[in-house]
Amino acid sequence: LSVRSVSGGIAYENLTVRYLNPMPPVRQVRGTATFTDARFDLAIAGGSLDGLRVGPSAVALSGLDNDRERAEIEVVASGPVKDALKLIDSKPLGYTSKIGIQMDGVSGEAAIRLRFAFPLISTLKIEQVALSAAANLRSVAVPNVIHGWDVSEAKGNLSLDGRGMTVKGDGRLQGVPVVFEWRESFDDAPQVRRRFEVTGRADDAARKALDLPLQDKATFEKRKA
């Protein structure tokens, strides 16, 4: 008996999907899957991921008929910013710890899209994992972001990969309305680890809150590298 091809489809619910050990798995997964002798594709309709609600997501396993097996994974989730930060701090990532964010006092909501791609090998190293993340943020508060300043009522966009993170948006810095851009490098020995650029308009009370010189000029720009 010779089998020349295999194909099919399945529907599933209450599945647990592990995408990158030892990161937390997606639980209560429901959706459909198709397969052939060369690949296996999961179309995820929903699930849960450590406090985050998982929306339409996908897992693609390719090269199953040769020695170039590969996984490509996209997870779309939403929920509290604190839970999203815990997720990207999971081993082997540890990004929140690298940034130095203290979780106490963090609040807000995030809609996040995570992408992973890596070879299916038993000796996988984190350097072999291509990772990217993008998030929309709203109503975010983070204490002591830089220079002892607290961010509140912030909204904006975050992008992250293995090299660094960028957050752009607007909110309040020590209660002062501002537009900001935060760049963080994950390199081992960068020339500049963190750059935080802030622009806005401030009265004397706001300048005092930000520890800026009191003067006639009604605008300010402050950079910290």
N, C-alpha and C. Protein backbone atom coordinates (compact mmCIF):
# COMPACT_ATOMS: atom_id res chain seq x y z
N LEU A 1 0.84 -1.19 0.00
CA LEU A 1 0.00 0.00 0.00
C LEU A 1 0.88 1.24 0.00
N SER A 2 0.60 2.18 -0.90
CA SER A 2 1.37 3.42 -1.01
C SER A 2 0.43 4.61 -0.85
N VAL A 3 0.76 5.49 0.09
CA VAL A 3 -0.03 6.70 0.34
C VAL A 3 0.69 7.87 -0.34
N ARG A 4 0.02 8.50 -1.30
CA ARG A 4 0.65 9.57 -2.07
C ARG A 4 0.34 10.95 -1.50
N SER A 5 -0.79 11.10 -0.84
CA SER A 5 -1.12 12.39 -0.22
C SER A 5 -2.15 12.18 0.88
N VAL A 6 -2.16 13.11 1.82
CA VAL A 6 -3.10 13.09 2.94
C VAL A 6 -3.63 14.50 3.13
N SER A 7 -4.91 14.64 3.35
CA SER A 7 -5.49 15.94 3.63
C SER A 7 -6.77 15.76 4.44
N GLY A 8 -7.15 16.80 5.15
CA GLY A 8 -8.36 16.72 5.95
C GLY A 8 -8.60 17.99 6.73
N GLY A 9 -9.62 17.98 7.54
CA GLY A 9 -9.95 19.13 8.36
C GLY A 9 -10.62 18.68 9.64
N ILE A 10 -10.51 19.46 10.67
CA ILE A 10 -11.12 19.14 11.96
C ILE A 10 -11.64 20.43 12.60
N ALA A 11 -12.59 20.27 13.49
CA ALA A 11 -13.05 21.36 14.34
C ALA A 11 -12.70 20.99 15.78
N TYR A 12 -12.37 21.97 16.58
CA TYR A 12 -11.93 21.67 17.94
C TYR A 12 -12.43 22.74 18.90
N GLU A 13 -12.47 22.37 20.17
CA GLU A 13 -12.81 23.32 21.23
C GLU A 13 -12.15 22.85 22.52
N ASN A 14 -11.97 23.79 23.45
CA ASN A 14 -11.34 23.52 24.73
C ASN A 14 -9.94 22.91 24.56
N LEU A 15 -9.23 23.38 23.56
CA LEU A 15 -7.87 22.91 23.27
C LEU A 15 -6.86 23.78 24.01
N THR A 16 -5.73 23.20 24.38
CA THR A 16 -4.61 23.94 24.94
C THR A 16 -3.48 23.95 23.92
N VAL A 17 -3.03 25.15 23.54
CA VAL A 17 -2.01 25.28 22.51
C VAL A 17 -0.75 25.89 23.12
N ARG A 18 0.35 25.16 23.06
CA ARG A 18 1.66 25.68 23.48
C ARG A 18 2.40 26.11 22.22
N TYR A 19 2.82 27.36 22.19
CA TYR A 19 3.43 27.91 20.98
C TYR A 19 4.92 28.13 21.14
N LEU A 20 5.40 28.40 22.37
CA LEU A 20 6.83 28.60 22.60
C LEU A 20 7.10 28.38 24.08
N ASN A 21 7.64 27.22 24.41
CA ASN A 21 7.95 26.92 25.82
C ASN A 21 9.09 27.79 26.32
N PRO A 22 9.04 28.22 27.59
CA PRO A 22 8.02 27.92 28.61
C PRO A 22 6.96 29.01 28.75
N MET A 23 6.67 29.76 27.69
CA MET A 23 5.64 30.79 27.76
C MET A 23 4.28 30.17 28.06
N PRO A 24 3.38 30.91 28.69
CA PRO A 24 2.07 30.35 29.03
C PRO A 24 1.29 29.96 27.78
N PRO A 25 0.59 28.83 27.83
CA PRO A 25 -0.17 28.38 26.65
C PRO A 25 -1.47 29.15 26.48
N VAL A 26 -2.03 29.07 25.29
CA VAL A 26 -3.38 29.57 25.04
C VAL A 26 -4.35 28.46 25.42
N ARG A 27 -5.31 28.77 26.27
CA ARG A 27 -6.24 27.77 26.77
C ARG A 27 -7.65 28.01 26.24
N GLN A 28 -8.49 26.98 26.39
CA GLN A 28 -9.89 27.04 25.97
C GLN A 28 -9.99 27.48 24.51
N VAL A 29 -9.09 26.95 23.70
CA VAL A 29 -9.02 27.34 22.29
C VAL A 29 -10.12 26.63 21.50
N ARG A 30 -10.76 27.38 20.62
CA ARG A 30 -11.76 26.82 19.71
C ARG A 30 -11.46 27.31 18.30
N GLY A 31 -11.81 26.48 17.32
CA GLY A 31 -11.56 26.88 15.94
C GLY A 31 -11.59 25.68 15.02
N THR A 32 -10.90 25.81 13.89
CA THR A 32 -10.84 24.75 12.89
C THR A 32 -9.39 24.57 12.45
N ALA A 33 -9.13 23.44 11.81
CA ALA A 33 -7.78 23.16 11.31
C ALA A 33 -7.87 22.39 10.00
N THR A 34 -6.89 22.58 9.14
CA THR A 34 -6.74 21.80 7.92
C THR A 34 -5.33 21.23 7.90
N PHE A 35 -5.17 20.10 7.25
CA PHE A 35 -3.84 19.50 7.20
C PHE A 35 -3.64 18.73 5.90
N THR A 36 -2.37 18.63 5.53
CA THR A 36 -1.93 17.77 4.44
C THR A 36 -0.69 17.04 4.93
N ASP A 37 -0.06 16.29 4.04
CA ASP A 37 1.18 15.63 4.44
C ASP A 37 2.31 16.63 4.61
N ALA A 38 2.13 17.89 4.12
CA ALA A 38 3.21 18.87 4.17
C ALA A 38 3.01 19.95 5.22
N ARG A 39 1.78 20.19 5.68
CA ARG A 39 1.56 21.29 6.62
C ARG A 39 0.32 21.05 7.46
N PHE A 40 0.25 21.80 8.55
CA PHE A 40 -0.89 21.76 9.47
C PHE A 40 -1.21 23.20 9.84
N ASP A 41 -2.46 23.63 9.59
CA ASP A 41 -2.87 25.01 9.83
C ASP A 41 -4.04 25.06 10.79
N LEU A 42 -3.89 25.85 11.85
CA LEU A 42 -4.97 26.07 12.80
C LEU A 42 -5.50 27.49 12.64
N ALA A 43 -6.80 27.62 12.44
CA ALA A 43 -7.48 28.91 12.46
C ALA A 43 -8.20 29.02 13.80
N ILE A 44 -7.65 29.81 14.69
CA ILE A 44 -8.18 29.93 16.05
C ILE A 44 -9.25 31.01 16.09
N ALA A 45 -10.42 30.65 16.61
CA ALA A 45 -11.52 31.62 16.71
C ALA A 45 -11.47 32.38 18.03
N GLY A 46 -10.97 31.74 19.08
CA GLY A 46 -10.91 32.41 20.37
C GLY A 46 -10.29 31.52 21.42
N GLY A 47 -10.02 32.12 22.58
CA GLY A 47 -9.41 31.40 23.69
C GLY A 47 -9.01 32.39 24.77
N SER A 48 -8.17 31.95 25.70
CA SER A 48 -7.69 32.82 26.77
C SER A 48 -6.20 32.60 26.98
N LEU A 49 -5.53 33.69 27.41
CA LEU A 49 -4.08 33.64 27.57
C LEU A 49 -3.70 34.49 28.78
N ASP A 50 -3.66 33.85 29.93
CA ASP A 50 -3.23 34.51 31.17
C ASP A 50 -3.88 35.87 31.37
N GLY A 51 -5.21 35.91 31.37
CA GLY A 51 -5.94 37.15 31.62
C GLY A 51 -6.29 37.93 30.38
N LEU A 52 -5.73 37.56 29.23
CA LEU A 52 -6.03 38.21 27.97
C LEU A 52 -7.05 37.40 27.18
N ARG A 53 -7.91 38.09 26.45
CA ARG A 53 -8.89 37.44 25.58
C ARG A 53 -8.25 37.26 24.20
N VAL A 54 -8.21 36.03 23.74
CA VAL A 54 -7.61 35.74 22.43
C VAL A 54 -8.68 35.79 21.36
N GLY A 55 -8.42 36.57 20.31
CA GLY A 55 -9.32 36.67 19.17
C GLY A 55 -8.82 35.83 18.02
N PRO A 56 -9.28 36.09 16.80
CA PRO A 56 -8.86 35.31 15.64
C PRO A 56 -7.34 35.28 15.49
N SER A 57 -6.77 34.09 15.56
CA SER A 57 -5.32 33.89 15.52
C SER A 57 -5.01 32.71 14.62
N ALA A 58 -3.72 32.46 14.38
CA ALA A 58 -3.35 31.40 13.43
C ALA A 58 -2.05 30.74 13.83
N VAL A 59 -1.98 29.44 13.57
CA VAL A 59 -0.76 28.66 13.74
C VAL A 59 -0.54 27.90 12.44
N ALA A 60 0.65 28.03 11.85
CA ALA A 60 0.97 27.32 10.61
C ALA A 60 2.25 26.53 10.81
N LEU A 61 2.15 25.22 10.63
CA LEU A 61 3.31 24.33 10.69
C LEU A 61 3.58 23.83 9.28
N SER A 62 4.73 24.18 8.73
CA SER A 62 5.02 23.84 7.34
C SER A 62 6.28 22.99 7.25
N GLY A 63 6.52 22.46 6.04
CA GLY A 63 7.70 21.63 5.81
C GLY A 63 7.65 20.29 6.50
N LEU A 64 6.45 19.80 6.80
CA LEU A 64 6.33 18.54 7.53
C LEU A 64 6.71 17.33 6.69
N ASP A 65 6.85 17.52 5.39
CA ASP A 65 7.23 16.42 4.51
C ASP A 65 8.72 16.44 4.17
N ASN A 66 9.48 17.31 4.85
CA ASN A 66 10.92 17.36 4.60
C ASN A 66 11.64 17.73 5.90
N ASP A 67 12.89 18.07 5.82
CA ASP A 67 13.66 18.38 7.02
C ASP A 67 13.76 19.88 7.28
N ARG A 68 12.79 20.66 6.76
CA ARG A 68 12.77 22.11 6.98
C ARG A 68 11.47 22.52 7.68
N GLU A 69 11.11 21.76 8.72
CA GLU A 69 9.88 22.05 9.45
C GLU A 69 9.98 23.43 10.12
N ARG A 70 8.88 24.18 10.06
CA ARG A 70 8.89 25.55 10.56
C ARG A 70 7.52 25.91 11.12
N ALA A 71 7.52 26.74 12.15
CA ALA A 71 6.28 27.23 12.75
C ALA A 71 6.17 28.73 12.55
N GLU A 72 4.99 29.19 12.15
CA GLU A 72 4.67 30.61 12.08
C GLU A 72 3.37 30.82 12.85
N ILE A 73 3.43 31.69 13.84
CA ILE A 73 2.32 31.83 14.78
C ILE A 73 1.95 33.30 14.91
N GLU A 74 0.66 33.59 14.88
CA GLU A 74 0.16 34.93 15.12
C GLU A 74 -0.94 34.84 16.16
N VAL A 75 -0.75 35.55 17.26
CA VAL A 75 -1.72 35.57 18.35
C VAL A 75 -2.26 36.99 18.50
N VAL A 76 -3.56 37.14 18.42
CA VAL A 76 -4.22 38.44 18.61
C VAL A 76 -4.98 38.37 19.93
N ALA A 77 -4.71 39.33 20.82
CA ALA A 77 -5.32 39.28 22.14
C ALA A 77 -5.60 40.69 22.63
N SER A 78 -6.48 40.79 23.62
CA SER A 78 -6.81 42.09 24.21
C SER A 78 -7.09 41.90 25.68
N GLY A 79 -6.91 42.99 26.43
CA GLY A 79 -7.14 42.94 27.86
C GLY A 79 -6.29 43.94 28.60
N PRO A 80 -6.11 43.76 29.91
CA PRO A 80 -5.35 44.71 30.72
C PRO A 80 -3.89 44.83 30.27
N VAL A 81 -3.38 46.06 30.27
CA VAL A 81 -1.98 46.29 29.93
C VAL A 81 -1.06 45.49 30.84
N LYS A 82 -1.40 45.39 32.12
CA LYS A 82 -0.55 44.65 33.06
C LYS A 82 -0.40 43.20 32.64
N ASP A 83 -1.47 42.57 32.16
CA ASP A 83 -1.37 41.18 31.71
C ASP A 83 -0.55 41.07 30.43
N ALA A 84 -0.65 42.07 29.55
CA ALA A 84 0.16 42.06 28.33
C ALA A 84 1.64 42.20 28.67
N LEU A 85 1.97 43.04 29.67
CA LEU A 85 3.36 43.20 30.08
C LEU A 85 3.89 41.93 30.74
N LYS A 86 3.04 41.24 31.49
CA LYS A 86 3.45 39.96 32.09
C LYS A 86 3.74 38.94 30.99
N LEU A 87 2.94 38.97 29.92
CA LEU A 87 3.14 38.02 28.83
C LEU A 87 4.49 38.22 28.17
N ILE A 88 4.83 39.46 27.83
CA ILE A 88 6.11 39.69 27.14
C ILE A 88 7.29 39.61 28.10
N ASP A 89 7.00 39.47 29.40
CA ASP A 89 8.07 39.25 30.37
C ASP A 89 8.30 37.77 30.64
N SER A 90 7.43 36.91 30.08
CA SER A 90 7.57 35.47 30.29
C SER A 90 8.90 34.98 29.72
N LYS A 91 9.48 33.98 30.37
CA LYS A 91 10.66 33.34 29.79
C LYS A 91 10.26 32.65 28.50
N PRO A 92 11.10 32.72 27.47
CA PRO A 92 12.47 33.22 27.45
C PRO A 92 12.59 34.70 27.03
N LEU A 93 11.48 35.47 27.01
CA LEU A 93 11.54 36.84 26.49
C LEU A 93 12.11 37.82 27.50
N GLY A 94 11.39 38.06 28.59
CA GLY A 94 11.89 38.93 29.64
C GLY A 94 11.98 40.40 29.28
N TYR A 95 11.12 40.88 28.36
CA TYR A 95 11.25 42.26 27.88
C TYR A 95 10.83 43.29 28.93
N THR A 96 9.78 43.02 29.69
CA THR A 96 9.34 43.99 30.68
C THR A 96 10.41 44.22 31.73
N SER A 97 11.10 43.17 32.13
CA SER A 97 12.20 43.31 33.09
C SER A 97 13.35 44.11 32.49
N LYS A 98 13.63 43.90 31.20
CA LYS A 98 14.69 44.66 30.54
C LYS A 98 14.36 46.15 30.53
N ILE A 99 13.09 46.48 30.31
CA ILE A 99 12.68 47.88 30.29
C ILE A 99 12.72 48.49 31.69
N GLY A 100 12.48 47.65 32.70
CA GLY A 100 12.53 48.12 34.08
C GLY A 100 11.21 48.67 34.59
N ILE A 101 10.10 48.28 33.98
CA ILE A 101 8.79 48.75 34.43
C ILE A 101 8.40 48.01 35.70
N GLN A 102 8.00 48.76 36.72
CA GLN A 102 7.46 48.19 37.94
C GLN A 102 5.96 47.98 37.75
N MET A 103 5.49 46.74 37.98
CA MET A 103 4.11 46.41 37.65
C MET A 103 3.10 47.07 38.59
N ASP A 104 3.50 47.36 39.82
CA ASP A 104 2.58 48.02 40.75
C ASP A 104 2.19 49.39 40.20
N GLY A 105 0.91 49.64 40.11
CA GLY A 105 0.43 50.93 39.63
C GLY A 105 0.17 50.99 38.14
N VAL A 106 0.55 49.95 37.39
CA VAL A 106 0.29 49.93 35.95
C VAL A 106 -1.17 49.61 35.70
N SER A 107 -1.81 50.36 34.81
CA SER A 107 -3.20 50.09 34.45
C SER A 107 -3.44 50.51 33.01
N GLY A 108 -4.63 50.16 32.50
CA GLY A 108 -4.98 50.49 31.13
C GLY A 108 -5.35 49.26 30.34
N GLU A 109 -5.67 49.46 29.07
CA GLU A 109 -6.10 48.39 28.18
C GLU A 109 -5.20 48.32 26.95
N ALA A 110 -5.05 47.11 26.43
CA ALA A 110 -4.20 46.90 25.25
C ALA A 110 -4.85 45.91 24.31
N ALA A 111 -4.67 46.15 23.01
CA ALA A 111 -4.99 45.17 21.97
C ALA A 111 -3.66 44.84 21.30
N ILE A 112 -3.23 43.59 21.38
CA ILE A 112 -1.87 43.22 21.01
C ILE A 112 -1.87 42.13 19.94
N ARG A 113 -0.90 42.20 19.06
CA ARG A 113 -0.69 41.18 18.02
C ARG A 113 0.75 40.69 18.14
N LEU A 114 0.91 39.41 18.46
CA LEU A 114 2.23 38.80 18.60
C LEU A 114 2.49 37.88 17.41
N ARG A 115 3.71 37.94 16.88
CA ARG A 115 4.10 37.04 15.79
C ARG A 115 5.39 36.32 16.17
N PHE A 116 5.40 35.01 15.98
CA PHE A 116 6.58 34.19 16.20
C PHE A 116 6.85 33.37 14.94
N ALA A 117 8.13 33.17 14.65
CA ALA A 117 8.52 32.26 13.56
C ALA A 117 9.82 31.60 13.98
N PHE A 118 9.88 30.27 13.84
CA PHE A 118 11.08 29.56 14.27
C PHE A 118 11.09 28.16 13.65
N PRO A 119 12.28 27.57 13.54
CA PRO A 119 12.36 26.20 13.03
C PRO A 119 11.88 25.21 14.09
N LEU A 120 11.28 24.12 13.65
CA LEU A 120 10.82 23.09 14.58
C LEU A 120 11.95 22.11 14.85
N ILE A 121 12.78 22.49 15.82
CA ILE A 121 13.91 21.65 16.20
C ILE A 121 13.93 21.52 17.72
N SER A 122 14.47 20.43 18.22
CA SER A 122 14.46 20.16 19.65
C SER A 122 15.46 21.03 20.41
N THR A 123 16.45 21.57 19.71
CA THR A 123 17.50 22.37 20.36
C THR A 123 17.31 23.87 20.09
N LEU A 124 16.07 24.29 19.99
CA LEU A 124 15.77 25.68 19.65
C LEU A 124 16.34 26.64 20.69
N LYS A 125 16.97 27.72 20.20
CA LYS A 125 17.47 28.79 21.05
C LYS A 125 16.69 30.06 20.77
N ILE A 126 16.61 30.95 21.76
CA ILE A 126 15.84 32.17 21.61
C ILE A 126 16.36 33.01 20.44
N GLU A 127 17.65 32.92 20.14
CA GLU A 127 18.21 33.67 19.02
C GLU A 127 17.65 33.21 17.67
N GLN A 128 17.07 32.02 17.63
CA GLN A 128 16.51 31.48 16.40
C GLN A 128 15.03 31.83 16.24
N VAL A 129 14.47 32.53 17.21
CA VAL A 129 13.05 32.89 17.17
C VAL A 129 12.92 34.32 16.66
N ALA A 130 12.21 34.49 15.55
CA ALA A 130 11.87 35.83 15.06
C ALA A 130 10.58 36.26 15.74
N LEU A 131 10.65 37.34 16.49
CA LEU A 131 9.51 37.80 17.28
C LEU A 131 9.20 39.25 16.94
N SER A 132 7.93 39.57 16.83
CA SER A 132 7.51 40.97 16.73
C SER A 132 6.17 41.12 17.44
N ALA A 133 5.93 42.31 17.93
CA ALA A 133 4.67 42.60 18.61
C ALA A 133 4.24 44.01 18.27
N ALA A 134 2.95 44.21 18.16
CA ALA A 134 2.37 45.53 17.95
C ALA A 134 1.14 45.64 18.84
N ALA A 135 0.92 46.82 19.41
CA ALA A 135 -0.21 46.98 20.32
C ALA A 135 -0.79 48.38 20.21
N ASN A 136 -2.11 48.45 20.37
CA ASN A 136 -2.80 49.72 20.56
C ASN A 136 -3.10 49.86 22.04
N LEU A 137 -2.76 51.00 22.60
CA LEU A 137 -2.88 51.23 24.03
C LEU A 137 -3.88 52.35 24.31
N ARG A 138 -4.62 52.22 25.42
CA ARG A 138 -5.54 53.29 25.80
C ARG A 138 -5.69 53.32 27.32
N SER A 139 -5.93 54.51 27.83
CA SER A 139 -6.15 54.75 29.27
C SER A 139 -5.02 54.16 30.11
N VAL A 140 -3.78 54.32 29.63
CA VAL A 140 -2.64 53.67 30.28
C VAL A 140 -2.03 54.58 31.34
N ALA A 141 -1.67 53.98 32.47
CA ALA A 141 -0.93 54.66 33.52
C ALA A 141 0.29 53.81 33.87
N VAL A 142 1.46 54.44 33.90
CA VAL A 142 2.71 53.75 34.27
C VAL A 142 3.48 54.67 35.21
N PRO A 143 3.76 54.21 36.44
CA PRO A 143 4.51 55.07 37.36
C PRO A 143 6.00 55.07 37.07
N ASN A 144 6.63 56.18 37.36
CA ASN A 144 8.09 56.31 37.32
C ASN A 144 8.68 55.78 36.02
N VAL A 145 8.18 56.29 34.90
CA VAL A 145 8.69 55.86 33.60
C VAL A 145 10.14 56.29 33.42
N ILE A 146 10.40 57.56 33.73
CA ILE A 146 11.76 58.08 33.63
C ILE A 146 11.84 59.38 34.44
N HIS A 147 12.97 59.64 35.03
CA HIS A 147 13.20 60.89 35.76
C HIS A 147 12.22 61.06 36.92
N GLY A 148 11.66 59.93 37.41
CA GLY A 148 10.68 59.99 38.48
C GLY A 148 9.30 60.43 38.05
N TRP A 149 9.08 60.57 36.75
CA TRP A 149 7.79 61.04 36.23
C TRP A 149 6.82 59.88 36.03
N ASP A 150 5.54 60.15 36.30
CA ASP A 150 4.47 59.18 36.06
C ASP A 150 3.71 59.55 34.79
N VAL A 151 3.36 58.54 34.01
CA VAL A 151 2.52 58.72 32.83
C VAL A 151 1.10 58.28 33.17
N SER A 152 0.10 59.04 32.74
CA SER A 152 -1.30 58.68 32.97
C SER A 152 -2.14 59.08 31.77
N GLU A 153 -3.33 58.51 31.67
CA GLU A 153 -4.30 58.81 30.62
C GLU A 153 -3.66 58.74 29.23
N ALA A 154 -2.76 57.79 29.04
CA ALA A 154 -2.02 57.71 27.78
C ALA A 154 -2.72 56.80 26.79
N LYS A 155 -2.59 57.17 25.53
CA LYS A 155 -3.03 56.29 24.45
C LYS A 155 -1.98 56.38 23.35
N GLY A 156 -1.85 55.30 22.58
CA GLY A 156 -0.86 55.31 21.52
C GLY A 156 -0.59 53.93 20.97
N ASN A 157 0.55 53.79 20.32
CA ASN A 157 0.91 52.54 19.65
C ASN A 157 2.29 52.08 20.12
N LEU A 158 2.42 50.77 20.27
CA LEU A 158 3.68 50.15 20.67
C LEU A 158 4.11 49.18 19.59
N SER A 159 5.40 49.18 19.28
CA SER A 159 5.99 48.16 18.41
C SER A 159 7.24 47.62 19.08
N LEU A 160 7.48 46.32 18.93
CA LEU A 160 8.56 45.67 19.65
C LEU A 160 9.09 44.50 18.83
N ASP A 161 10.40 44.33 18.86
CA ASP A 161 11.00 43.12 18.31
C ASP A 161 12.23 42.80 19.15
N GLY A 162 13.05 41.88 18.70
CA GLY A 162 14.20 41.47 19.49
C GLY A 162 15.24 42.54 19.68
N ARG A 163 15.17 43.62 18.88
CA ARG A 163 16.17 44.68 18.97
C ARG A 163 15.76 45.83 19.87
N GLY A 164 14.45 46.05 20.00
CA GLY A 164 14.03 47.17 20.83
C GLY A 164 12.54 47.41 20.79
N MET A 165 12.13 48.51 21.41
CA MET A 165 10.72 48.86 21.53
C MET A 165 10.55 50.35 21.24
N THR A 166 9.43 50.68 20.61
CA THR A 166 9.06 52.08 20.40
C THR A 166 7.61 52.27 20.82
N VAL A 167 7.35 53.30 21.61
CA VAL A 167 5.98 53.67 21.99
C VAL A 167 5.76 55.12 21.60
N LYS A 168 4.72 55.40 20.84
CA LYS A 168 4.37 56.76 20.44
C LYS A 168 2.93 57.03 20.84
N GLY A 169 2.69 58.20 21.39
CA GLY A 169 1.33 58.52 21.77
C GLY A 169 1.22 59.86 22.47
N ASP A 170 0.12 60.04 23.18
CA ASP A 170 -0.09 61.24 23.96
C ASP A 170 -0.74 60.86 25.28
N GLY A 171 -0.61 61.73 26.25
CA GLY A 171 -1.16 61.47 27.57
C GLY A 171 -0.77 62.58 28.51
N ARG A 172 -0.61 62.23 29.77
CA ARG A 172 -0.22 63.20 30.78
C ARG A 172 1.05 62.74 31.48
N LEU A 173 1.97 63.66 31.62
CA LEU A 173 3.23 63.42 32.32
C LEU A 173 3.23 64.31 33.56
N GLN A 174 3.17 63.67 34.74
CA GLN A 174 3.00 64.43 35.99
C GLN A 174 1.77 65.34 35.90
N GLY A 175 0.74 64.86 35.18
CA GLY A 175 -0.50 65.62 35.05
C GLY A 175 -0.51 66.63 33.93
N VAL A 176 0.62 66.79 33.22
CA VAL A 176 0.73 67.78 32.15
C VAL A 176 0.46 67.12 30.79
N PRO A 177 -0.45 67.66 29.96
CA PRO A 177 -0.71 67.07 28.64
C PRO A 177 0.54 67.13 27.76
N VAL A 178 0.91 65.99 27.17
CA VAL A 178 2.12 65.93 26.34
C VAL A 178 1.91 64.96 25.18
N VAL A 179 2.78 65.10 24.19
CA VAL A 179 2.97 64.10 23.14
C VAL A 179 4.35 63.50 23.39
N PHE A 180 4.46 62.18 23.30
CA PHE A 180 5.72 61.55 23.65
C PHE A 180 6.11 60.46 22.67
N GLU A 181 7.42 60.18 22.66
CA GLU A 181 7.96 59.04 21.93
C GLU A 181 9.03 58.41 22.82
N TRP A 182 8.87 57.10 23.06
CA TRP A 182 9.77 56.36 23.94
C TRP A 182 10.43 55.27 23.12
N ARG A 183 11.77 55.30 23.05
CA ARG A 183 12.54 54.27 22.34
C ARG A 183 13.45 53.55 23.33
N GLU A 184 13.41 52.24 23.30
CA GLU A 184 14.20 51.40 24.20
C GLU A 184 14.99 50.39 23.38
N SER A 185 16.29 50.29 23.65
CA SER A 185 17.13 49.33 22.96
C SER A 185 17.31 48.08 23.82
N PHE A 186 17.23 46.90 23.18
CA PHE A 186 17.47 45.64 23.87
C PHE A 186 18.87 45.09 23.59
N ASP A 187 19.70 45.86 22.89
CA ASP A 187 21.07 45.41 22.63
C ASP A 187 21.83 45.26 23.95
N ASP A 188 22.82 44.39 23.95
CA ASP A 188 23.59 44.16 25.17
C ASP A 188 24.39 45.39 25.60
N ALA A 189 24.94 46.11 24.64
CA ALA A 189 25.74 47.29 24.98
C ALA A 189 25.43 48.42 24.01
N PRO A 190 24.23 49.01 24.10
CA PRO A 190 23.87 50.07 23.14
C PRO A 190 24.53 51.40 23.50
N GLN A 191 24.68 52.26 22.50
CA GLN A 191 25.18 53.61 22.77
C GLN A 191 24.17 54.39 23.61
N VAL A 192 22.88 54.21 23.30
CA VAL A 192 21.81 54.83 24.07
C VAL A 192 20.80 53.75 24.41
N ARG A 193 20.59 53.48 25.70
CA ARG A 193 19.64 52.46 26.13
C ARG A 193 18.20 52.94 25.99
N ARG A 194 17.95 54.17 26.44
CA ARG A 194 16.58 54.69 26.46
C ARG A 194 16.56 56.14 26.00
N ARG A 195 15.62 56.45 25.15
CA ARG A 195 15.41 57.83 24.72
C ARG A 195 13.93 58.15 24.87
N PHE A 196 13.65 59.18 25.62
CA PHE A 196 12.27 59.58 25.90
C PHE A 196 12.12 61.04 25.49
N GLU A 197 11.34 61.30 24.44
CA GLU A 197 11.15 62.66 23.93
C GLU A 197 9.73 63.12 24.23
N VAL A 198 9.63 64.30 24.78
CA VAL A 198 8.34 64.83 25.22
C VAL A 198 8.18 66.26 24.70
N THR A 199 7.02 66.57 24.17
CA THR A 199 6.72 67.94 23.78
C THR A 199 5.33 68.32 24.30
N GLY A 200 5.15 69.59 24.60
CA GLY A 200 3.86 70.04 25.07
C GLY A 200 3.90 71.51 25.44
N ARG A 201 2.82 71.99 26.04
CA ARG A 201 2.72 73.38 26.50
C ARG A 201 2.43 73.33 28.00
N ALA A 202 3.05 74.24 28.72
CA ALA A 202 2.92 74.18 30.17
C ALA A 202 2.88 75.57 30.79
N ASP A 203 2.04 75.73 31.80
CA ASP A 203 2.04 76.95 32.60
C ASP A 203 3.05 76.78 33.74
N ASP A 204 3.12 77.76 34.62
CA ASP A 204 4.11 77.70 35.70
C ASP A 204 3.89 76.49 36.60
N ALA A 205 2.63 76.16 36.88
CA ALA A 205 2.36 75.01 37.74
C ALA A 205 2.84 73.72 37.09
N ALA A 206 2.65 73.62 35.77
CA ALA A 206 3.11 72.42 35.06
C ALA A 206 4.62 72.35 35.03
N ARG A 207 5.28 73.49 34.82
CA ARG A 207 6.74 73.50 34.83
C ARG A 207 7.28 73.08 36.19
N LYS A 208 6.59 73.50 37.22
CA LYS A 208 7.01 73.10 38.57
C LYS A 208 6.85 71.60 38.75
N ALA A 209 5.75 71.04 38.26
CA ALA A 209 5.52 69.60 38.38
C ALA A 209 6.59 68.80 37.64
N LEU A 210 7.07 69.37 36.52
CA LEU A 210 8.08 68.69 35.71
C LEU A 210 9.50 69.13 36.05
N ASP A 211 9.62 70.00 37.04
CA ASP A 211 10.93 70.50 37.45
C ASP A 211 11.65 71.18 36.29
N LEU A 212 10.90 72.03 35.57
CA LEU A 212 11.46 72.80 34.46
C LEU A 212 11.65 74.25 34.91
N PRO A 213 12.57 74.97 34.27
CA PRO A 213 12.80 76.37 34.65
C PRO A 213 11.54 77.21 34.44
N LEU A 214 11.25 78.09 35.36
CA LEU A 214 10.13 79.01 35.20
C LEU A 214 10.57 80.16 34.31
N GLN A 215 9.86 80.34 33.19
CA GLN A 215 10.23 81.38 32.24
C GLN A 215 9.01 81.76 31.42
N ASP A 216 9.16 82.75 30.56
CA ASP A 216 8.02 83.25 29.80
C ASP A 216 7.58 82.30 28.70
N LYS A 217 8.52 81.53 28.17
CA LYS A 217 8.19 80.66 27.05
C LYS A 217 7.14 79.65 27.45
N ALA A 218 6.10 79.49 26.61
CA ALA A 218 4.95 78.67 26.99
C ALA A 218 5.02 77.25 26.46
N THR A 219 6.08 76.91 25.74
CA THR A 219 6.23 75.55 25.24
C THR A 219 7.49 74.95 25.80
N PHE A 220 7.56 73.62 25.79
CA PHE A 220 8.76 72.97 26.27
C PHE A 220 9.00 71.71 25.46
N GLU A 221 10.24 71.31 25.44
CA GLU A 221 10.64 70.05 24.84
C GLU A 221 11.74 69.50 25.70
N LYS A 222 11.60 68.24 26.15
CA LYS A 222 12.62 67.67 27.02
C LYS A 222 12.97 66.29 26.51
N ARG A 223 14.27 66.02 26.45
CA ARG A 223 14.74 64.72 25.98
C ARG A 223 15.64 64.12 27.05
N LYS A 224 15.50 62.81 27.21
CA LYS A 224 16.34 62.10 28.17
C LYS A 224 16.92 60.89 27.47
N ALA A 225 18.24 60.77 27.41
CA ALA A 225 18.88 59.64 26.73
C ALA A 225 19.66 58.83 27.75
